[in-house]
């Protein structure tokens, strides 16, 4: 069975550790990097080309939308999965 490679990015270490722990316990997932800010996240995506990046919508350095724009402009194959604690910011964004 092929493992799905995953990058996790969030500025809160407890969130990163929690997500990484859950995924590491599941067969079929391999966490290849954990990042605490946007610049480290996009660098991990560029260098590791994971299947999925799970990232917070709001991170220091680069936001989720900025990472999405970079990934699209560079035609990166990684699928981005966003999560956030507040939906009000997403509703006001140009993302939708």
PDB file of N, CA and C in Angstrom:
ATOM      1  N   UNK A   1       0.834  -1.171   0.000  1.00  0.00           N
ATOM      2  CA  UNK A   1       0.000   0.000   0.000  1.00  0.00           C
ATOM      3  C   UNK A   1       0.889   1.247   0.000  1.00  0.00           C
ATOM      4  N   UNK A   2       0.588   2.186  -0.878  1.00  0.00           N
ATOM      5  CA  UNK A   2       1.331   3.438  -0.961  1.00  0.00           C
ATOM      6  C   UNK A   2       0.911   4.368   0.164  1.00  0.00           C
ATOM      7  N   UNK A   3       1.893   4.962   0.830  1.00  0.00           N
ATOM      8  CA  UNK A   3       1.599   5.925   1.897  1.00  0.00           C
ATOM      9  C   UNK A   3       1.355   7.302   1.293  1.00  0.00           C
ATOM     10  N   UNK A   4       0.424   8.022   1.882  1.00  0.00           N
ATOM     11  CA  UNK A   4       0.149   9.402   1.503  1.00  0.00           C
ATOM     12  C   UNK A   4       1.060  10.286   2.338  1.00  0.00           C
ATOM     13  N   UNK A   5       1.914  11.042   1.680  1.00  0.00           N
ATOM     14  CA  UNK A   5       2.836  11.925   2.398  1.00  0.00           C
ATOM     15  C   UNK A   5       2.132  13.225   2.774  1.00  0.00           C
ATOM     16  N   UNK A   6       2.418  13.692   3.989  1.00  0.00           N
ATOM     17  CA  UNK A   6       1.696  14.842   4.549  1.00  0.00           C
ATOM     18  C   UNK A   6       2.661  15.839   5.193  1.00  0.00           C
ATOM     19  N   UNK A   7       2.440  17.113   4.915  1.00  0.00           N
ATOM     20  CA  UNK A   7       3.076  18.209   5.640  1.00  0.00           C
ATOM     21  C   UNK A   7       1.996  18.832   6.521  1.00  0.00           C
ATOM     22  N   UNK A   8       2.333  19.104   7.772  1.00  0.00           N
ATOM     23  CA  UNK A   8       1.405  19.743   8.708  1.00  0.00           C
ATOM     24  C   UNK A   8       1.990  21.095   9.089  1.00  0.00           C
ATOM     25  N   UNK A   9       1.157  22.139   9.055  1.00  0.00           N
ATOM     26  CA  UNK A   9       1.636  23.473   9.403  1.00  0.00           C
ATOM     27  C   UNK A   9       0.613  24.216  10.260  1.00  0.00           C
ATOM     28  N   UNK A  10       1.066  24.686  11.415  1.00  0.00           N
ATOM     29  CA  UNK A  10       0.243  25.485  12.317  1.00  0.00           C
ATOM     30  C   UNK A  10       1.183  26.182  13.284  1.00  0.00           C
ATOM     31  N   UNK A  11       0.824  27.375  13.699  1.00  0.00           N
ATOM     32  CA  UNK A  11       1.691  28.116  14.630  1.00  0.00           C
ATOM     33  C   UNK A  11       1.565  27.617  16.071  1.00  0.00           C
ATOM     34  N   UNK A  12       0.595  26.757  16.335  1.00  0.00           N
ATOM     35  CA  UNK A  12       0.409  26.218  17.683  1.00  0.00           C
ATOM     36  C   UNK A  12       0.995  24.807  17.768  1.00  0.00           C
ATOM     37  N   UNK A  13       2.068  24.623  18.531  1.00  0.00           N
ATOM     38  CA  UNK A  13       2.721  23.315  18.605  1.00  0.00           C
ATOM     39  C   UNK A  13       1.802  22.176  19.032  1.00  0.00           C
ATOM     40  N   UNK A  14       0.855  22.439  19.912  1.00  0.00           N
ATOM     41  CA  UNK A  14      -0.038  21.373  20.364  1.00  0.00           C
ATOM     42  C   UNK A  14      -0.907  20.867  19.209  1.00  0.00           C
ATOM     43  N   UNK A  15      -1.307  21.738  18.312  1.00  0.00           N
ATOM     44  CA  UNK A  15      -2.105  21.337  17.148  1.00  0.00           C
ATOM     45  C   UNK A  15      -1.254  20.475  16.211  1.00  0.00           C
ATOM     46  N   UNK A  16      -0.045  20.915  15.949  1.00  0.00           N
ATOM     47  CA  UNK A  16       0.858  20.161  15.071  1.00  0.00           C
ATOM     48  C   UNK A  16       1.118  18.772  15.653  1.00  0.00           C
ATOM     49  N   UNK A  17       1.459  18.720  16.935  1.00  0.00           N
ATOM     50  CA  UNK A  17       1.727  17.422  17.574  1.00  0.00           C
ATOM     51  C   UNK A  17       0.498  16.528  17.541  1.00  0.00           C
ATOM     52  N   UNK A  18      -0.678  17.102  17.806  1.00  0.00           N
ATOM     53  CA  UNK A  18      -1.906  16.320  17.807  1.00  0.00           C
ATOM     54  C   UNK A  18      -2.225  15.732  16.437  1.00  0.00           C
ATOM     55  N   UNK A  19      -2.176  16.566  15.407  1.00  0.00           N
ATOM     56  CA  UNK A  19      -2.443  16.076  14.051  1.00  0.00           C
ATOM     57  C   UNK A  19      -1.409  15.038  13.625  1.00  0.00           C
ATOM     58  N   UNK A  20      -0.149  15.319  13.918  1.00  0.00           N
ATOM     59  CA  UNK A  20       0.907  14.375  13.555  1.00  0.00           C
ATOM     60  C   UNK A  20       0.708  13.042  14.265  1.00  0.00           C
ATOM     61  N   UNK A  21       0.339  13.088  15.525  1.00  0.00           N
ATOM     62  CA  UNK A  21       0.109  11.860  16.291  1.00  0.00           C
ATOM     63  C   UNK A  21      -1.039  11.047  15.706  1.00  0.00           C
ATOM     64  N   UNK A  22      -2.124  11.709  15.385  1.00  0.00           N
ATOM     65  CA  UNK A  22      -3.283  11.017  14.807  1.00  0.00           C
ATOM     66  C   UNK A  22      -2.909  10.369  13.474  1.00  0.00           C
ATOM     67  N   UNK A  23      -2.226  11.113  12.614  1.00  0.00           N
ATOM     68  CA  UNK A  23      -1.878  10.573  11.296  1.00  0.00           C
ATOM     69  C   UNK A  23      -0.841   9.463  11.380  1.00  0.00           C
ATOM     70  N   UNK A  24       0.101   9.585  12.293  1.00  0.00           N
ATOM     71  CA  UNK A  24       1.131   8.544  12.431  1.00  0.00           C
ATOM     72  C   UNK A  24       0.546   7.228  12.924  1.00  0.00           C
ATOM     73  N   UNK A  25      -0.572   7.301  13.632  1.00  0.00           N
ATOM     74  CA  UNK A  25      -1.230   6.088  14.114  1.00  0.00           C
ATOM     75  C   UNK A  25      -2.055   5.408  13.023  1.00  0.00           C
ATOM     76  N   UNK A  26      -2.321   6.101  11.937  1.00  0.00           N
ATOM     77  CA  UNK A  26      -3.139   5.560  10.854  1.00  0.00           C
ATOM     78  C   UNK A  26      -2.247   4.949   9.779  1.00  0.00           C
ATOM     79  N   UNK A  27      -2.599   3.778   9.353  1.00  0.00           N
ATOM     80  CA  UNK A  27      -1.876   3.153   8.263  1.00  0.00           C
ATOM     81  C   UNK A  27      -2.172   3.929   6.985  1.00  0.00           C
ATOM     82  N   UNK A  28      -1.170   4.122   6.165  1.00  0.00           N
ATOM     83  CA  UNK A  28      -1.375   4.789   4.884  1.00  0.00           C
ATOM     84  C   UNK A  28      -0.975   6.252   4.853  1.00  0.00           C
ATOM     85  N   UNK A  29      -0.565   6.812   5.993  1.00  0.00           N
ATOM     86  CA  UNK A  29      -0.123   8.205   6.038  1.00  0.00           C
ATOM     87  C   UNK A  29       1.313   8.275   6.550  1.00  0.00           C
ATOM     88  N   UNK A  30       2.099   9.165   5.964  1.00  0.00           N
ATOM     89  CA  UNK A  30       3.461   9.406   6.429  1.00  0.00           C
ATOM     90  C   UNK A  30       3.658  10.913   6.561  1.00  0.00           C
ATOM     91  N   UNK A  31       3.843  11.376   7.790  1.00  0.00           N
ATOM     92  CA  UNK A  31       4.105  12.797   8.041  1.00  0.00           C
ATOM     93  C   UNK A  31       5.564  13.058   7.696  1.00  0.00           C
ATOM     94  N   UNK A  32       5.788  13.899   6.684  1.00  0.00           N
ATOM     95  CA  UNK A  32       7.154  14.152   6.221  1.00  0.00           C
ATOM     96  C   UNK A  32       7.729  15.460   6.758  1.00  0.00           C
ATOM     97  N   UNK A  33       6.863  16.355   7.260  1.00  0.00           N
ATOM     98  CA  UNK A  33       7.349  17.618   7.840  1.00  0.00           C
ATOM     99  C   UNK A  33       6.257  18.252   8.684  1.00  0.00           C
ATOM    100  N   UNK A  34       6.701  18.926   9.736  1.00  0.00           N
ATOM    101  CA  UNK A  34       5.819  19.732  10.585  1.00  0.00           C
ATOM    102  C   UNK A  34       6.409  21.132  10.633  1.00  0.00           C
ATOM    103  N   UNK A  35       5.579  22.133  10.366  1.00  0.00           N
ATOM    104  CA  UNK A  35       6.054  23.514  10.266  1.00  0.00           C
ATOM    105  C   UNK A  35       5.249  24.417  11.187  1.00  0.00           C
ATOM    106  N   UNK A  36       5.883  25.494  11.640  1.00  0.00           N
ATOM    107  CA  UNK A  36       5.210  26.414  12.560  1.00  0.00           C
ATOM    108  C   UNK A  36       4.872  27.760  11.922  1.00  0.00           C
ATOM    109  N   UNK A  37       5.241  27.949  10.642  1.00  0.00           N
ATOM    110  CA  UNK A  37       4.928  29.210   9.978  1.00  0.00           C
ATOM    111  C   UNK A  37       4.800  29.010   8.474  1.00  0.00           C
ATOM    112  N   UNK A  38       4.281  30.018   7.806  1.00  0.00           N
ATOM    113  CA  UNK A  38       4.038  29.935   6.374  1.00  0.00           C
ATOM    114  C   UNK A  38       5.274  29.742   5.511  1.00  0.00           C
ATOM    115  N   UNK A  39       6.348  30.516   5.718  1.00  0.00           N
ATOM    116  CA  UNK A  39       7.543  30.324   4.890  1.00  0.00           C
ATOM    117  C   UNK A  39       8.126  28.910   4.992  1.00  0.00           C
ATOM    118  N   UNK A  40       8.158  28.352   6.190  1.00  0.00           N
ATOM    119  CA  UNK A  40       8.655  26.979   6.328  1.00  0.00           C
ATOM    120  C   UNK A  40       7.723  25.988   5.642  1.00  0.00           C
ATOM    121  N   UNK A  41       6.424  26.260   5.693  1.00  0.00           N
ATOM    122  CA  UNK A  41       5.452  25.383   5.058  1.00  0.00           C
ATOM    123  C   UNK A  41       5.639  25.350   3.543  1.00  0.00           C
ATOM    124  N   UNK A  42       5.719  26.507   2.902  1.00  0.00           N
ATOM    125  CA  UNK A  42       5.863  26.510   1.444  1.00  0.00           C
ATOM    126  C   UNK A  42       7.202  25.904   1.038  1.00  0.00           C
ATOM    127  N   UNK A  43       8.232  26.109   1.827  1.00  0.00           N
ATOM    128  CA  UNK A  43       9.531  25.493   1.520  1.00  0.00           C
ATOM    129  C   UNK A  43       9.450  23.972   1.616  1.00  0.00           C
ATOM    130  N   UNK A  44       8.743  23.460   2.634  1.00  0.00           N
ATOM    131  CA  UNK A  44       8.568  22.008   2.764  1.00  0.00           C
ATOM    132  C   UNK A  44       7.761  21.455   1.590  1.00  0.00           C
ATOM    133  N   UNK A  45       6.741  22.178   1.172  1.00  0.00           N
ATOM    134  CA  UNK A  45       5.938  21.744   0.031  1.00  0.00           C
ATOM    135  C   UNK A  45       6.795  21.708  -1.231  1.00  0.00           C
ATOM    136  N   UNK A  46       7.590  22.749  -1.433  1.00  0.00           N
ATOM    137  CA  UNK A  46       8.451  22.802  -2.623  1.00  0.00           C
ATOM    138  C   UNK A  46       9.488  21.680  -2.626  1.00  0.00           C
ATOM    139  N   UNK A  47      10.146  21.479  -1.509  1.00  0.00           N
ATOM    140  CA  UNK A  47      11.269  20.530  -1.474  1.00  0.00           C
ATOM    141  C   UNK A  47      10.845  19.070  -1.327  1.00  0.00           C
ATOM    142  N   UNK A  48       9.743  18.817  -0.630  1.00  0.00           N
ATOM    143  CA  UNK A  48       9.330  17.438  -0.367  1.00  0.00           C
ATOM    144  C   UNK A  48       8.214  16.946  -1.281  1.00  0.00           C
ATOM    145  N   UNK A  49       7.500  17.859  -1.929  1.00  0.00           N
ATOM    146  CA  UNK A  49       6.375  17.530  -2.818  1.00  0.00           C
ATOM    147  C   UNK A  49       5.427  16.504  -2.185  1.00  0.00           C
ATOM    148  N   UNK A  50       4.899  16.819  -0.989  1.00  0.00           N
ATOM    149  CA  UNK A  50       3.981  15.869  -0.347  1.00  0.00           C
ATOM    150  C   UNK A  50       2.664  15.770  -1.123  1.00  0.00           C
ATOM    151  N   UNK A  51       1.941  14.685  -0.869  1.00  0.00           N
ATOM    152  CA  UNK A  51       0.636  14.526  -1.497  1.00  0.00           C
ATOM    153  C   UNK A  51      -0.354  15.554  -0.949  1.00  0.00           C
ATOM    154  N   UNK A  52      -0.284  15.796   0.371  1.00  0.00           N
ATOM    155  CA  UNK A  52      -1.215  16.685   1.054  1.00  0.00           C
ATOM    156  C   UNK A  52      -0.455  17.594   2.015  1.00  0.00           C
ATOM    157  N   UNK A  53      -0.905  18.839   2.123  1.00  0.00           N
ATOM    158  CA  UNK A  53      -0.434  19.744   3.177  1.00  0.00           C
ATOM    159  C   UNK A  53      -1.672  20.171   3.968  1.00  0.00           C
ATOM    160  N   UNK A  54      -1.632  19.921   5.259  1.00  0.00           N
ATOM    161  CA  UNK A  54      -2.713  20.334   6.155  1.00  0.00           C
ATOM    162  C   UNK A  54      -2.209  21.572   6.876  1.00  0.00           C
ATOM    163  N   UNK A  55      -2.873  22.699   6.654  1.00  0.00           N
ATOM    164  CA  UNK A  55      -2.344  23.925   7.233  1.00  0.00           C
ATOM    165  C   UNK A  55      -3.435  24.834   7.767  1.00  0.00           C
ATOM    166  N   UNK A  56      -3.022  25.595   8.759  1.00  0.00           N
ATOM    167  CA  UNK A  56      -3.905  26.594   9.351  1.00  0.00           C
ATOM    168  C   UNK A  56      -4.084  27.722   8.346  1.00  0.00           C
ATOM    169  N   UNK A  57      -5.266  28.270   8.330  1.00  0.00           N
ATOM    170  CA  UNK A  57      -5.592  29.360   7.425  1.00  0.00           C
ATOM    171  C   UNK A  57      -4.782  30.607   7.756  1.00  0.00           C
ATOM    172  N   UNK A  58      -4.484  30.806   9.035  1.00  0.00           N
ATOM    173  CA  UNK A  58      -3.777  32.000   9.482  1.00  0.00           C
ATOM    174  C   UNK A  58      -2.492  31.593  10.194  1.00  0.00           C
ATOM    175  N   UNK A  59      -1.368  31.870   9.541  1.00  0.00           N
ATOM    176  CA  UNK A  59      -0.056  31.556  10.123  1.00  0.00           C
ATOM    177  C   UNK A  59       0.862  32.759   9.972  1.00  0.00           C
ATOM    178  N   UNK A  60       1.887  32.831  10.806  1.00  0.00           N
ATOM    179  CA  UNK A  60       2.846  33.931  10.659  1.00  0.00           C
ATOM    180  C   UNK A  60       3.690  33.771   9.396  1.00  0.00           C
ATOM    181  N   UNK A  61       4.044  34.889   8.812  1.00  0.00           N
ATOM    182  CA  UNK A  61       4.921  34.889   7.647  1.00  0.00           C
ATOM    183  C   UNK A  61       4.179  34.840   6.328  1.00  0.00           C
ATOM    184  N   UNK A  62       3.385  33.812   6.117  1.00  0.00           N
ATOM    185  CA  UNK A  62       2.531  33.661   4.944  1.00  0.00           C
ATOM    186  C   UNK A  62       1.211  33.059   5.398  1.00  0.00           C
ATOM    187  N   UNK A  63       0.114  33.595   4.921  1.00  0.00           N
ATOM    188  CA  UNK A  63      -1.187  33.031   5.273  1.00  0.00           C
ATOM    189  C   UNK A  63      -1.480  31.826   4.378  1.00  0.00           C
ATOM    190  N   UNK A  64      -2.524  31.128   4.715  1.00  0.00           N
ATOM    191  CA  UNK A  64      -2.950  30.011   3.885  1.00  0.00           C
ATOM    192  C   UNK A  64      -3.262  30.431   2.463  1.00  0.00           C
ATOM    193  N   UNK A  65      -3.914  31.585   2.308  1.00  0.00           N
ATOM    194  CA  UNK A  65      -4.225  32.082   0.963  1.00  0.00           C
ATOM    195  C   UNK A  65      -2.964  32.416   0.173  1.00  0.00           C
ATOM    196  N   UNK A  66      -1.974  32.966   0.838  1.00  0.00           N
ATOM    197  CA  UNK A  66      -0.712  33.267   0.155  1.00  0.00           C
ATOM    198  C   UNK A  66      -0.008  31.979  -0.264  1.00  0.00           C
ATOM    199  N   UNK A  67      -0.058  30.972   0.587  1.00  0.00           N
ATOM    200  CA  UNK A  67       0.538  29.681   0.235  1.00  0.00           C
ATOM    201  C   UNK A  67      -0.217  29.063  -0.943  1.00  0.00           C
ATOM    202  N   UNK A  68      -1.536  29.164  -0.935  1.00  0.00           N
ATOM    203  CA  UNK A  68      -2.342  28.669  -2.053  1.00  0.00           C
ATOM    204  C   UNK A  68      -1.962  29.379  -3.349  1.00  0.00           C
ATOM    205  N   UNK A  69      -1.816  30.693  -3.297  1.00  0.00           N
ATOM    206  CA  UNK A  69      -1.453  31.460  -4.491  1.00  0.00           C
ATOM    207  C   UNK A  69      -0.080  31.044  -5.015  1.00  0.00           C
ATOM    208  N   UNK A  70       0.873  30.847  -4.114  1.00  0.00           N
ATOM    209  CA  UNK A  70       2.215  30.413  -4.514  1.00  0.00           C
ATOM    210  C   UNK A  70       2.152  29.016  -5.129  1.00  0.00           C
ATOM    211  N   UNK A  71       1.459  28.112  -4.464  1.00  0.00           N
ATOM    212  CA  UNK A  71       1.351  26.737  -4.965  1.00  0.00           C
ATOM    213  C   UNK A  71       0.716  26.714  -6.351  1.00  0.00           C
ATOM    214  N   UNK A  72      -0.311  27.518  -6.560  1.00  0.00           N
ATOM    215  CA  UNK A  72      -0.955  27.589  -7.878  1.00  0.00           C
ATOM    216  C   UNK A  72      -0.036  28.208  -8.924  1.00  0.00           C
ATOM    217  N   UNK A  73       0.641  29.293  -8.571  1.00  0.00           N
ATOM    218  CA  UNK A  73       1.508  29.974  -9.544  1.00  0.00           C
ATOM    219  C   UNK A  73       2.709  29.114  -9.937  1.00  0.00           C
ATOM    220  N   UNK A  74       3.148  28.231  -9.032  1.00  0.00           N
ATOM    221  CA  UNK A  74       4.285  27.358  -9.320  1.00  0.00           C
ATOM    222  C   UNK A  74       3.837  25.970  -9.785  1.00  0.00           C
ATOM    223  N   UNK A  75       2.528  25.793  -9.956  1.00  0.00           N
ATOM    224  CA  UNK A  75       1.952  24.507 -10.389  1.00  0.00           C
ATOM    225  C   UNK A  75       2.414  23.337  -9.529  1.00  0.00           C
ATOM    226  N   UNK A  76       2.440  23.565  -8.214  1.00  0.00           N
ATOM    227  CA  UNK A  76       2.826  22.495  -7.292  1.00  0.00           C
ATOM    228  C   UNK A  76       1.689  21.482  -7.207  1.00  0.00           C
ATOM    229  N   UNK A  77       2.031  20.215  -7.137  1.00  0.00           N
ATOM    230  CA  UNK A  77       1.017  19.157  -7.181  1.00  0.00           C
ATOM    231  C   UNK A  77       0.381  18.848  -5.823  1.00  0.00           C
ATOM    232  N   UNK A  78       0.925  19.382  -4.755  1.00  0.00           N
ATOM    233  CA  UNK A  78       0.411  19.123  -3.410  1.00  0.00           C
ATOM    234  C   UNK A  78      -1.015  19.655  -3.261  1.00  0.00           C
ATOM    235  N   UNK A  79      -1.883  18.835  -2.694  1.00  0.00           N
ATOM    236  CA  UNK A  79      -3.248  19.268  -2.380  1.00  0.00           C
ATOM    237  C   UNK A  79      -3.220  19.954  -1.022  1.00  0.00           C
ATOM    238  N   UNK A  80      -3.855  21.110  -0.913  1.00  0.00           N
ATOM    239  CA  UNK A  80      -3.870  21.867   0.336  1.00  0.00           C
ATOM    240  C   UNK A  80      -5.199  21.667   1.047  1.00  0.00           C
ATOM    241  N   UNK A  81      -5.115  21.356   2.340  1.00  0.00           N
ATOM    242  CA  UNK A  81      -6.282  21.195   3.192  1.00  0.00           C
ATOM    243  C   UNK A  81      -6.172  22.245   4.287  1.00  0.00           C
ATOM    244  N   UNK A  82      -7.149  23.155   4.371  1.00  0.00           N
ATOM    245  CA  UNK A  82      -7.110  24.237   5.351  1.00  0.00           C
ATOM    246  C   UNK A  82      -7.991  23.924   6.542  1.00  0.00           C
ATOM    247  N   UNK A  83      -7.552  24.392   7.701  1.00  0.00           N
ATOM    248  CA  UNK A  83      -8.393  24.346   8.884  1.00  0.00           C
ATOM    249  C   UNK A  83      -8.157  25.624   9.667  1.00  0.00           C
ATOM    250  N   UNK A  84      -9.162  26.008  10.445  1.00  0.00           N
ATOM    251  CA  UNK A  84      -9.047  27.228  11.233  1.00  0.00           C
ATOM    252  C   UNK A  84      -9.996  27.150  12.416  1.00  0.00           C
ATOM    253  N   UNK A  85      -9.735  27.962  13.419  1.00  0.00           N
ATOM    254  CA  UNK A  85     -10.599  27.992  14.597  1.00  0.00           C
ATOM    255  C   UNK A  85     -11.780  28.941  14.404  1.00  0.00           C
ATOM    256  N   UNK A  86     -11.698  29.823  13.412  1.00  0.00           N
ATOM    257  CA  UNK A  86     -12.747  30.815  13.203  1.00  0.00           C
ATOM    258  C   UNK A  86     -13.140  30.857  11.732  1.00  0.00           C
ATOM    259  N   UNK A  87     -14.421  30.784  11.462  1.00  0.00           N
ATOM    260  CA  UNK A  87     -14.881  30.823  10.070  1.00  0.00           C
ATOM    261  C   UNK A  87     -15.147  32.245   9.589  1.00  0.00           C
ATOM    262  N   UNK A  88     -15.220  33.230  10.473  1.00  0.00           N
ATOM    263  CA  UNK A  88     -15.551  34.589  10.055  1.00  0.00           C
ATOM    264  C   UNK A  88     -14.499  35.162   9.115  1.00  0.00           C
ATOM    265  N   UNK A  89     -13.260  34.864   9.332  1.00  0.00           N
ATOM    266  CA  UNK A  89     -12.207  35.387   8.486  1.00  0.00           C
ATOM    267  C   UNK A  89     -12.271  34.772   7.087  1.00  0.00           C
ATOM    268  N   UNK A  90     -12.604  33.501   7.006  1.00  0.00           N
ATOM    269  CA  UNK A  90     -12.697  32.839   5.715  1.00  0.00           C
ATOM    270  C   UNK A  90     -13.843  33.421   4.903  1.00  0.00           C
ATOM    271  N   UNK A  91     -14.965  33.656   5.521  1.00  0.00           N
ATOM    272  CA  UNK A  91     -16.134  34.180   4.804  1.00  0.00           C
ATOM    273  C   UNK A  91     -15.855  35.535   4.172  1.00  0.00           C
ATOM    274  N   UNK A  92     -15.006  36.331   4.795  1.00  0.00           N
ATOM    275  CA  UNK A  92     -14.719  37.660   4.277  1.00  0.00           C
ATOM    276  C   UNK A  92     -13.620  37.648   3.218  1.00  0.00           C
ATOM    277  N   UNK A  93     -12.948  36.536   3.059  1.00  0.00           N
ATOM    278  CA  UNK A  93     -11.805  36.503   2.151  1.00  0.00           C
ATOM    279  C   UNK A  93     -12.251  36.368   0.698  1.00  0.00           C
ATOM    280  N   UNK A  94     -11.296  36.517  -0.201  1.00  0.00           N
ATOM    281  CA  UNK A  94     -11.557  36.323  -1.620  1.00  0.00           C
ATOM    282  C   UNK A  94     -11.421  34.861  -2.014  1.00  0.00           C
ATOM    283  N   UNK A  95     -11.156  34.027  -1.028  1.00  0.00           N
ATOM    284  CA  UNK A  95     -10.970  32.588  -1.271  1.00  0.00           C
ATOM    285  C   UNK A  95     -12.224  31.979  -1.857  1.00  0.00           C
ATOM    286  N   UNK A  96     -13.380  32.393  -1.409  1.00  0.00           N
ATOM    287  CA  UNK A  96     -14.638  31.807  -1.870  1.00  0.00           C
ATOM    288  C   UNK A  96     -15.082  32.556  -3.072  1.00  0.00           C
TER     289      UNK A  96
END
